[in-house]
Structures are given as structure tokens and as C-alpha cells.
Amino acid sequence: MTLTKVCKGFNDLTPHEMYDLLRLRSDVFVVEQNCVFLDLDNKDQKCHHLLLYSQDALVAYARLVPPGVSYPKEMSIGRIVTISEVRGTGVGKQLMELAIAECYTLFGTGPIKIGAQLYAEKFYNAFGFVQSSEVYDEDGIDHIEMMKA
């Protein structure tokens, strides 16, 4: 599968890109995971947005968060999501590799901290993330904080 990468700050996103990313996040986090939560958390405006398209369809997305927005000192990657049709194909792995590289380009080298759904811990371990908190409930789903030094 050939993927096209788009990485932009909030003000540079087109209306179609913004719709695509909000639709994907809603489809997976609200509908598929049956989780009622406020996705629009006033962080998007301060972040960069990594979108991966296959032809004209958004298939993967991650929000790249500068230090001081989600965590006081660490940059972060959040809202990591793929459409169900590409899970297990390596697209998620490509997304994470690109997200980490883009964070270093945008925000410099340093630790990356994420809030991960507990079931995905092994996925994130493969990229050097290690558990850094106890399990906590976020919107009815078990999460852990993880750090990549």
C-alpha cells in the first residue's frame, strides 16, 4: 500500500483534512470503542497533525503535541489511530515511526510521553516506550503512561 504523508500545524490544515481527521477519530474512539468523551480538548490548535492517506482516503492519524501542552516538559504523541481495514498490515508501525521522527524534527530531541490504552502496551514497547505509571481509567478504558527516553 502506497501512503502519502501530510504533516501540518493546525492553521495549515485544509477544511477537508480537518474533517478527515475528526471523522477518523470519531469513527474509532467514539463509535468503534463505544466511548463517549470530548475529543475536542483545545489541544489541536497547539499541535501538528500527521495524516497518512492511501489514495484519497485517510487511513492513519496521530497528533504531535509540543512540550508544555499535555505534559509539562515532554513532547507527546496522541490520538494515534488507524482505520480497521489497515490494522495488521504495518500501517500503524509506519505511523509511529513517522510520528516519532516528526516529533524530533519539530520539537528537538528529548523524551516522548504518551497516554496509551493498556491493550496496546506491547505495540508501543516495540518503539522503545516503557510503562511509567500505574494503570488508570480514562473514559472507561484502562490506560498507562509510557515514556521513550
Protein backbone atom coordinates (compact mmCIF):
# COMPACT_ATOMS: atom_id res chain seq x y z
CA MET A 1 0.00 0.00 0.00
CA THR A 2 1.41 3.39 -1.01
CA LEU A 3 0.88 6.03 1.65
CA THR A 4 1.04 9.79 1.30
CA LYS A 5 2.18 11.67 4.40
CA VAL A 6 0.77 15.06 5.35
CA CYS A 7 2.08 16.81 8.46
CA LYS A 8 0.78 20.29 9.22
CA GLY A 9 0.16 22.72 12.01
CA PHE A 10 -3.48 23.36 12.88
CA ASN A 11 -3.77 26.62 10.92
CA ASP A 12 -2.34 25.00 7.79
CA LEU A 13 -4.85 22.14 7.61
CA THR A 14 -7.40 22.38 4.83
CA PRO A 15 -11.07 22.07 5.76
CA HIS A 16 -11.08 18.61 4.11
CA GLU A 17 -8.04 17.44 6.11
CA MET A 18 -9.61 18.72 9.34
CA TYR A 19 -12.87 16.93 8.55
CA ASP A 20 -10.98 13.72 7.67
CA LEU A 21 -9.03 13.64 10.93
CA LEU A 22 -12.02 14.49 13.12
CA ARG A 23 -14.13 11.89 11.33
CA LEU A 24 -11.48 9.19 11.76
CA ARG A 25 -11.03 9.98 15.45
CA SER A 26 -14.80 9.93 15.99
CA ASP A 27 -15.30 6.72 14.00
CA VAL A 28 -12.74 4.82 16.08
CA PHE A 29 -12.64 6.41 19.53
CA VAL A 30 -16.34 7.22 19.92
CA VAL A 31 -18.22 4.75 17.72
CA GLU A 32 -15.98 1.68 17.41
CA GLN A 33 -14.73 1.79 21.02
CA ASN A 34 -18.17 2.86 22.25
CA CYS A 35 -16.64 5.61 24.36
CA VAL A 36 -18.45 8.87 24.96
CA PHE A 37 -15.79 11.52 25.54
CA LEU A 38 -14.98 15.06 24.49
CA ASP A 39 -12.44 14.61 21.68
CA LEU A 40 -12.18 18.36 21.08
CA ASP A 41 -9.99 19.22 24.06
CA ASN A 42 -8.49 22.58 22.98
CA LYS A 43 -5.11 20.97 22.26
CA ASP A 44 -5.47 20.55 18.49
CA GLN A 45 -4.79 24.23 17.89
CA LYS A 46 -1.33 23.92 19.52
CA CYS A 47 -0.31 20.70 17.76
CA HIS A 48 0.88 19.34 14.45
CA HIS A 49 -1.21 16.70 12.75
CA LEU A 50 0.21 13.68 10.94
CA LEU A 51 -2.15 12.20 8.39
CA LEU A 52 -1.47 9.14 6.22
CA TYR A 53 -3.57 8.78 3.10
CA SER A 54 -3.99 5.80 0.79
CA GLN A 55 -5.16 7.37 -2.44
CA ASP A 56 -7.78 9.86 -1.21
CA ALA A 57 -8.73 8.03 1.99
CA LEU A 58 -7.29 8.89 5.40
CA VAL A 59 -6.12 5.57 6.87
CA ALA A 60 -4.00 6.68 9.85
CA TYR A 61 -3.52 9.72 12.04
CA ALA A 62 -1.51 10.96 15.03
CA ARG A 63 -1.46 14.25 16.91
CA LEU A 64 2.04 15.59 17.62
CA VAL A 65 1.99 17.54 20.85
CA PRO A 66 4.74 20.00 21.82
CA PRO A 67 6.16 20.08 25.35
CA GLY A 68 4.00 22.02 27.77
CA VAL A 69 0.65 21.07 26.23
CA SER A 70 -0.16 17.57 27.52
CA TYR A 71 2.84 17.23 29.85
CA PRO A 72 4.93 20.00 31.44
CA LYS A 73 8.32 19.04 29.95
CA GLU A 74 7.80 16.22 27.46
CA MET A 75 6.56 16.21 23.90
CA SER A 76 3.80 13.70 23.21
CA ILE A 77 2.04 11.73 20.52
CA GLY A 78 -1.69 11.33 20.92
CA ARG A 79 -4.90 10.31 19.19
CA ILE A 80 -2.95 7.52 17.45
CA VAL A 81 -5.44 5.79 15.20
CA THR A 82 -5.83 3.64 12.09
CA ILE A 83 -8.91 2.54 10.20
CA SER A 84 -9.90 -1.06 10.86
CA GLU A 85 -9.19 -2.11 7.26
CA VAL A 86 -5.44 -1.46 7.61
CA ARG A 87 -4.84 -2.91 11.07
CA GLY A 88 -2.33 -5.75 10.96
CA THR A 89 -0.80 -4.51 7.68
CA GLY A 90 2.06 -2.46 9.15
CA VAL A 91 0.40 0.92 8.67
CA GLY A 92 0.31 1.52 12.44
CA LYS A 93 4.02 0.76 12.63
CA GLN A 94 4.73 3.23 9.82
CA LEU A 95 2.55 5.82 11.56
CA MET A 96 4.51 5.51 14.82
CA GLU A 97 7.90 5.60 13.11
CA LEU A 98 6.90 8.75 11.24
CA ALA A 99 5.30 10.33 14.32
CA ILE A 100 8.46 9.83 16.40
CA ALA A 101 10.67 11.23 13.62
CA GLU A 102 8.37 14.22 13.09
CA CYS A 103 8.34 14.97 16.84
CA TYR A 104 12.14 15.08 16.88
CA THR A 105 12.16 17.32 13.80
CA LEU A 106 9.51 19.69 15.15
CA PHE A 107 10.37 19.79 18.85
CA GLY A 108 14.00 18.62 19.09
CA THR A 109 15.36 15.51 20.71
CA GLY A 110 14.09 14.59 24.12
CA PRO A 111 11.74 12.22 25.86
CA ILE A 112 8.32 11.46 24.40
CA LYS A 113 5.50 10.70 26.84
CA ILE A 114 2.21 9.09 25.81
CA GLY A 115 -1.01 8.01 27.46
CA ALA A 116 -1.59 4.57 25.95
CA GLN A 117 -4.53 2.24 26.07
CA LEU A 118 -3.30 -0.69 28.16
CA TYR A 119 -4.03 -3.32 25.50
CA ALA A 120 -1.55 -1.56 23.14
CA GLU A 121 1.40 -1.63 25.57
CA LYS A 122 3.37 -4.24 23.59
CA PHE A 123 2.86 -2.29 20.37
CA TYR A 124 4.45 0.81 21.94
CA ASN A 125 7.21 -1.25 23.61
CA ALA A 126 8.45 -2.06 20.10
CA PHE A 127 9.26 1.65 19.62
CA GLY A 128 11.14 2.00 22.91
CA PHE A 129 8.27 3.17 25.10
CA VAL A 130 8.21 1.78 28.66
CA GLN A 131 5.44 1.94 31.23
CA SER A 132 5.88 4.91 33.58
CA SER A 133 2.65 4.91 35.60
CA GLU A 134 0.14 2.65 37.24
CA VAL A 135 -2.95 1.66 35.25
CA TYR A 136 -5.60 4.38 35.31
CA ASP A 137 -9.10 4.70 33.93
CA GLU A 138 -9.70 7.24 31.20
CA ASP A 139 -13.22 7.38 29.83
CA GLY A 140 -13.89 3.78 30.87
CA ILE A 141 -10.74 2.36 29.21
CA ASP A 142 -7.60 1.22 31.07
CA HIS A 143 -4.58 3.38 30.20
CA ILE A 144 -0.94 3.71 31.24
CA GLU A 145 1.57 6.47 30.75
CA MET A 146 4.64 5.43 28.76
CA MET A 147 7.97 7.15 28.12
CA LYS A 148 10.51 6.92 25.33
CA ALA A 149 13.85 8.34 26.52
